[in-house]
Amino acid sequence: MLPRTKDYLINFARSLIYTTALSESAVADILVSLELVQRDRQKQVDLLRNIDHYGALARSLNLPFQDHSPIQYLPVSGNDQVREAAVELTRNRFRVVPILHPTVPEGMERIRVSLHAYNRTKDIDDLLETFQKHVS
């Protein structure tokens, strides 16, 4: 490559140098993961079962439920309270994420819960029981 062309590209074609594109290895990992998910239908069945179980229990406790979604939330008003709730749930071995204002409107803060195929029914029961007991 000609030195002037090289200098021009380095200075004016930054996307060749700095990119947010996924690496080839990340794309390969994603493709393998998709193949595994498509082959293992039982994991999909397990996840749907867990979503249904969570929904039934959440409704019985008057907690919100997002139909057909593995991403759920538990309402906790106030940033300080959400942080405290996340610490308490984490202390009780639950992996949750606090969602704070200004990401959501003030008063709509929450704990994000991600359901997975490998969750046991008891895990879901314990999560909501712990939330009810220590947080709400």
Foldseek 3Di string as FASTA:
>chain_A
DDPVVVVCCVPPVCCVPDHPDDDPVVVVVVVVVVVVCVVCCLQVVLQLVLLVLLVVVCVVVVADHDPPAQKDKGFDADPVLQVVLCVQLVVVVAHWDWAHPPVPDHRRTIIIGGTGSPDDSVNSVVSVVSCVVPRD
